[in-house]
């Protein structure tokens, strides 16, 4: 394990201490978990972007064209305030 010295603004350090206390964990553990969560989010974003770049929009349109145009099943309706989707 590697130690790292950080320069943190006092406000950020105080907020992190409070959050760690609320979670019942040490500040060190809280910061490690926070960093791991951020890295995971960035990796997920990269994965989604990569998969999106491989999308076949013609195939997508073909699949959607085969969906029957009928009212949704009970319980699948959109809320009344949902704006209509544009084509």
N, C-alpha and C. Protein backbone atom coordinates (compact mmCIF):
# COMPACT_ATOMS: atom_id res chain seq x y z
N UNK A 1 0.85 -1.16 0.00
CA UNK A 1 0.00 0.00 0.00
C UNK A 1 0.90 1.23 0.00
N UNK A 2 0.49 2.27 -0.69
CA UNK A 2 1.27 3.49 -0.80
C UNK A 2 0.61 4.62 -0.02
N UNK A 3 1.42 5.41 0.66
CA UNK A 3 0.90 6.59 1.35
C UNK A 3 1.00 7.78 0.41
N UNK A 4 0.04 8.70 0.57
CA UNK A 4 -0.01 9.87 -0.29
C UNK A 4 -0.36 11.08 0.54
N UNK A 5 0.40 12.14 0.40
CA UNK A 5 0.10 13.39 1.09
C UNK A 5 -0.74 14.25 0.16
N UNK A 6 -1.82 14.80 0.68
CA UNK A 6 -2.73 15.63 -0.12
C UNK A 6 -2.85 17.02 0.47
N UNK A 7 -3.00 17.99 -0.40
CA UNK A 7 -3.36 19.34 0.02
C UNK A 7 -4.84 19.50 -0.29
N UNK A 8 -5.66 19.52 0.75
CA UNK A 8 -7.11 19.64 0.58
C UNK A 8 -7.58 20.97 1.14
N UNK A 9 -8.53 21.60 0.48
CA UNK A 9 -9.15 22.78 1.08
C UNK A 9 -9.81 22.36 2.41
N UNK A 10 -9.74 23.24 3.39
CA UNK A 10 -10.33 22.93 4.70
C UNK A 10 -11.79 22.53 4.60
N UNK A 11 -12.53 23.22 3.73
CA UNK A 11 -13.96 22.92 3.61
C UNK A 11 -14.19 21.50 3.10
N UNK A 12 -13.36 21.06 2.15
CA UNK A 12 -13.50 19.71 1.62
C UNK A 12 -13.11 18.68 2.66
N UNK A 13 -12.05 18.94 3.39
CA UNK A 13 -11.62 18.03 4.45
C UNK A 13 -12.69 17.91 5.54
N UNK A 14 -13.26 19.03 5.94
CA UNK A 14 -14.31 19.00 6.97
C UNK A 14 -15.53 18.23 6.48
N UNK A 15 -15.91 18.45 5.24
CA UNK A 15 -17.07 17.74 4.68
C UNK A 15 -16.79 16.23 4.62
N UNK A 16 -15.57 15.86 4.23
CA UNK A 16 -15.21 14.44 4.15
C UNK A 16 -15.19 13.81 5.54
N UNK A 17 -14.70 14.54 6.53
CA UNK A 17 -14.70 14.01 7.90
C UNK A 17 -16.13 13.76 8.39
N UNK A 18 -17.02 14.71 8.11
CA UNK A 18 -18.42 14.55 8.53
C UNK A 18 -19.07 13.37 7.81
N UNK A 19 -18.79 13.24 6.53
CA UNK A 19 -19.38 12.14 5.77
C UNK A 19 -18.85 10.80 6.26
N UNK A 20 -17.56 10.74 6.56
CA UNK A 20 -16.97 9.49 7.07
C UNK A 20 -17.58 9.13 8.42
N UNK A 21 -17.75 10.14 9.26
CA UNK A 21 -18.37 9.88 10.58
C UNK A 21 -19.81 9.40 10.41
N UNK A 22 -20.53 10.00 9.48
CA UNK A 22 -21.91 9.59 9.23
C UNK A 22 -21.96 8.13 8.74
N UNK A 23 -20.96 7.75 7.95
CA UNK A 23 -20.89 6.37 7.45
C UNK A 23 -20.30 5.41 8.47
N UNK A 24 -19.78 5.95 9.56
CA UNK A 24 -19.19 5.09 10.59
C UNK A 24 -17.88 4.48 10.15
N UNK A 25 -17.09 5.21 9.38
CA UNK A 25 -15.82 4.70 8.89
C UNK A 25 -14.73 5.74 9.11
N UNK A 26 -13.50 5.34 8.91
CA UNK A 26 -12.40 6.28 9.06
C UNK A 26 -12.34 7.20 7.84
N UNK A 27 -11.69 8.34 8.03
CA UNK A 27 -11.51 9.28 6.92
C UNK A 27 -10.71 8.61 5.81
N UNK A 28 -9.67 7.88 6.16
CA UNK A 28 -8.85 7.19 5.18
C UNK A 28 -9.69 6.22 4.34
N UNK A 29 -10.49 5.41 5.00
CA UNK A 29 -11.32 4.45 4.29
C UNK A 29 -12.35 5.16 3.43
N UNK A 30 -12.94 6.22 3.95
CA UNK A 30 -13.93 6.97 3.20
C UNK A 30 -13.32 7.53 1.91
N UNK A 31 -12.10 8.10 2.01
CA UNK A 31 -11.46 8.67 0.82
C UNK A 31 -11.09 7.59 -0.19
N UNK A 32 -10.64 6.43 0.28
CA UNK A 32 -10.31 5.33 -0.63
C UNK A 32 -11.56 4.88 -1.38
N UNK A 33 -12.66 4.73 -0.66
CA UNK A 33 -13.91 4.30 -1.30
C UNK A 33 -14.41 5.37 -2.28
N UNK A 34 -14.31 6.64 -1.90
CA UNK A 34 -14.74 7.73 -2.79
C UNK A 34 -13.93 7.73 -4.08
N UNK A 35 -12.63 7.53 -3.96
CA UNK A 35 -11.78 7.47 -5.15
C UNK A 35 -12.12 6.25 -6.01
N UNK A 36 -12.35 5.12 -5.38
CA UNK A 36 -12.72 3.91 -6.12
C UNK A 36 -14.05 4.11 -6.86
N UNK A 37 -15.00 4.76 -6.22
CA UNK A 37 -16.29 5.01 -6.87
C UNK A 37 -16.13 5.93 -8.07
N UNK A 38 -15.32 6.97 -7.94
CA UNK A 38 -15.09 7.89 -9.05
C UNK A 38 -14.41 7.18 -10.21
N UNK A 39 -13.39 6.38 -9.92
CA UNK A 39 -12.70 5.63 -10.98
C UNK A 39 -13.65 4.67 -11.67
N UNK A 40 -14.50 4.01 -10.91
CA UNK A 40 -15.47 3.10 -11.49
C UNK A 40 -16.43 3.83 -12.41
N UNK A 41 -16.88 5.02 -12.00
CA UNK A 41 -17.79 5.81 -12.83
C UNK A 41 -17.11 6.21 -14.15
N UNK A 42 -15.85 6.62 -14.07
CA UNK A 42 -15.12 7.00 -15.29
C UNK A 42 -14.92 5.80 -16.21
N UNK A 43 -14.60 4.65 -15.65
CA UNK A 43 -14.41 3.45 -16.46
C UNK A 43 -15.73 3.02 -17.11
N UNK A 44 -16.82 3.15 -16.37
CA UNK A 44 -18.13 2.81 -16.93
C UNK A 44 -18.48 3.75 -18.07
N UNK A 45 -18.19 5.04 -17.89
CA UNK A 45 -18.44 6.01 -18.96
C UNK A 45 -17.66 5.65 -20.21
N UNK A 46 -16.39 5.28 -20.05
CA UNK A 46 -15.56 4.87 -21.19
C UNK A 46 -16.14 3.63 -21.87
N UNK A 47 -16.59 2.66 -21.09
CA UNK A 47 -17.16 1.44 -21.65
C UNK A 47 -18.43 1.74 -22.44
N UNK A 48 -19.28 2.58 -21.89
CA UNK A 48 -20.53 2.92 -22.58
C UNK A 48 -20.23 3.66 -23.88
N UNK A 49 -19.28 4.59 -23.84
CA UNK A 49 -18.91 5.32 -25.05
C UNK A 49 -18.35 4.37 -26.12
N UNK A 50 -17.54 3.42 -25.70
CA UNK A 50 -16.98 2.45 -26.64
C UNK A 50 -18.08 1.61 -27.27
N UNK A 51 -19.00 1.14 -26.43
CA UNK A 51 -20.10 0.32 -26.97
C UNK A 51 -21.00 1.14 -27.86
N UNK A 52 -21.24 2.40 -27.51
CA UNK A 52 -22.09 3.26 -28.34
C UNK A 52 -21.46 3.50 -29.70
N UNK A 53 -20.13 3.59 -29.75
CA UNK A 53 -19.45 3.83 -31.02
C UNK A 53 -19.57 2.63 -31.96
N UNK A 54 -19.92 1.48 -31.41
CA UNK A 54 -20.05 0.26 -32.21
C UNK A 54 -21.51 -0.01 -32.60
N UNK A 55 -22.41 0.92 -32.26
CA UNK A 55 -23.83 0.70 -32.51
C UNK A 55 -24.12 0.67 -34.01
N UNK A 56 -25.05 -0.17 -34.38
CA UNK A 56 -25.52 -0.26 -35.77
C UNK A 56 -26.92 0.36 -35.80
N UNK A 57 -26.99 1.65 -36.16
CA UNK A 57 -28.26 2.36 -36.09
C UNK A 57 -29.27 1.85 -37.11
N UNK A 58 -28.81 1.34 -38.22
CA UNK A 58 -29.73 0.76 -39.21
C UNK A 58 -30.40 -0.49 -38.63
N UNK A 59 -29.63 -1.32 -37.95
CA UNK A 59 -30.20 -2.51 -37.32
C UNK A 59 -31.15 -2.11 -36.20
N UNK A 60 -30.80 -1.09 -35.43
CA UNK A 60 -31.66 -0.58 -34.36
C UNK A 60 -33.00 -0.11 -34.94
N UNK A 61 -32.95 0.65 -36.02
CA UNK A 61 -34.17 1.14 -36.65
C UNK A 61 -35.01 -0.02 -37.18
N UNK A 62 -34.34 -1.04 -37.72
CA UNK A 62 -35.06 -2.21 -38.22
C UNK A 62 -35.80 -2.92 -37.10
N UNK A 63 -35.14 -3.11 -35.97
CA UNK A 63 -35.77 -3.78 -34.83
C UNK A 63 -36.95 -2.96 -34.33
N UNK A 64 -36.76 -1.65 -34.20
CA UNK A 64 -37.86 -0.81 -33.73
C UNK A 64 -39.04 -0.80 -34.69
N UNK A 65 -38.78 -0.92 -35.98
CA UNK A 65 -39.86 -0.91 -36.96
C UNK A 65 -40.77 -2.13 -36.83
N UNK A 66 -40.28 -3.18 -36.18
CA UNK A 66 -41.08 -4.40 -36.01
C UNK A 66 -41.90 -4.40 -34.72
N UNK A 67 -41.76 -3.36 -33.91
CA UNK A 67 -42.54 -3.27 -32.67
C UNK A 67 -43.95 -2.82 -33.03
N UNK A 68 -44.97 -3.55 -32.59
CA UNK A 68 -46.34 -3.16 -32.94
C UNK A 68 -46.71 -1.82 -32.32
N UNK A 69 -47.50 -1.06 -33.05
CA UNK A 69 -47.97 0.24 -32.56
C UNK A 69 -49.30 0.02 -31.85
N UNK A 70 -49.22 -0.14 -30.54
CA UNK A 70 -50.42 -0.38 -29.74
C UNK A 70 -50.24 0.28 -28.38
N UNK A 71 -51.33 0.48 -27.67
CA UNK A 71 -51.22 1.10 -26.35
C UNK A 71 -50.40 0.22 -25.40
N UNK A 72 -49.74 0.84 -24.42
CA UNK A 72 -48.96 0.04 -23.47
C UNK A 72 -49.85 -0.84 -22.60
N UNK A 73 -49.26 -1.89 -22.09
CA UNK A 73 -49.98 -2.77 -21.17
C UNK A 73 -50.26 -2.01 -19.87
N UNK A 74 -51.30 -2.40 -19.15
CA UNK A 74 -51.59 -1.73 -17.88
C UNK A 74 -50.37 -1.74 -16.95
N UNK A 75 -50.04 -0.58 -16.41
CA UNK A 75 -48.88 -0.43 -15.54
C UNK A 75 -47.64 0.03 -16.27
N UNK A 76 -47.64 -0.02 -17.60
CA UNK A 76 -46.49 0.41 -18.40
C UNK A 76 -46.67 1.82 -18.98
N UNK A 77 -47.76 2.48 -18.64
CA UNK A 77 -48.03 3.80 -19.19
C UNK A 77 -47.02 4.82 -18.66
N UNK A 78 -46.73 5.83 -19.48
CA UNK A 78 -45.88 6.94 -19.04
C UNK A 78 -46.71 7.89 -18.20
N UNK A 79 -46.09 8.59 -17.26
CA UNK A 79 -46.83 9.60 -16.51
C UNK A 79 -47.40 10.66 -17.46
N UNK A 80 -48.52 11.24 -17.10
CA UNK A 80 -49.21 12.20 -17.95
C UNK A 80 -48.33 13.39 -18.31
N UNK A 81 -47.41 13.80 -17.42
CA UNK A 81 -46.57 14.97 -17.69
C UNK A 81 -45.36 14.68 -18.57
N UNK A 82 -45.20 13.44 -19.03
CA UNK A 82 -44.07 13.08 -19.88
C UNK A 82 -44.28 13.65 -21.28
N UNK A 83 -43.32 14.44 -21.79
CA UNK A 83 -43.48 14.98 -23.14
C UNK A 83 -43.44 13.86 -24.17
N UNK A 84 -44.12 14.02 -25.27
CA UNK A 84 -44.10 12.97 -26.32
C UNK A 84 -42.73 12.84 -26.92
N UNK A 85 -42.39 11.64 -27.35
CA UNK A 85 -41.10 11.39 -28.00
C UNK A 85 -41.18 11.85 -29.45
N UNK A 86 -40.10 12.45 -29.93
CA UNK A 86 -40.08 12.85 -31.33
C UNK A 86 -39.38 11.80 -32.15
N UNK A 87 -39.73 11.69 -33.42
CA UNK A 87 -39.12 10.69 -34.31
C UNK A 87 -38.01 11.29 -35.09
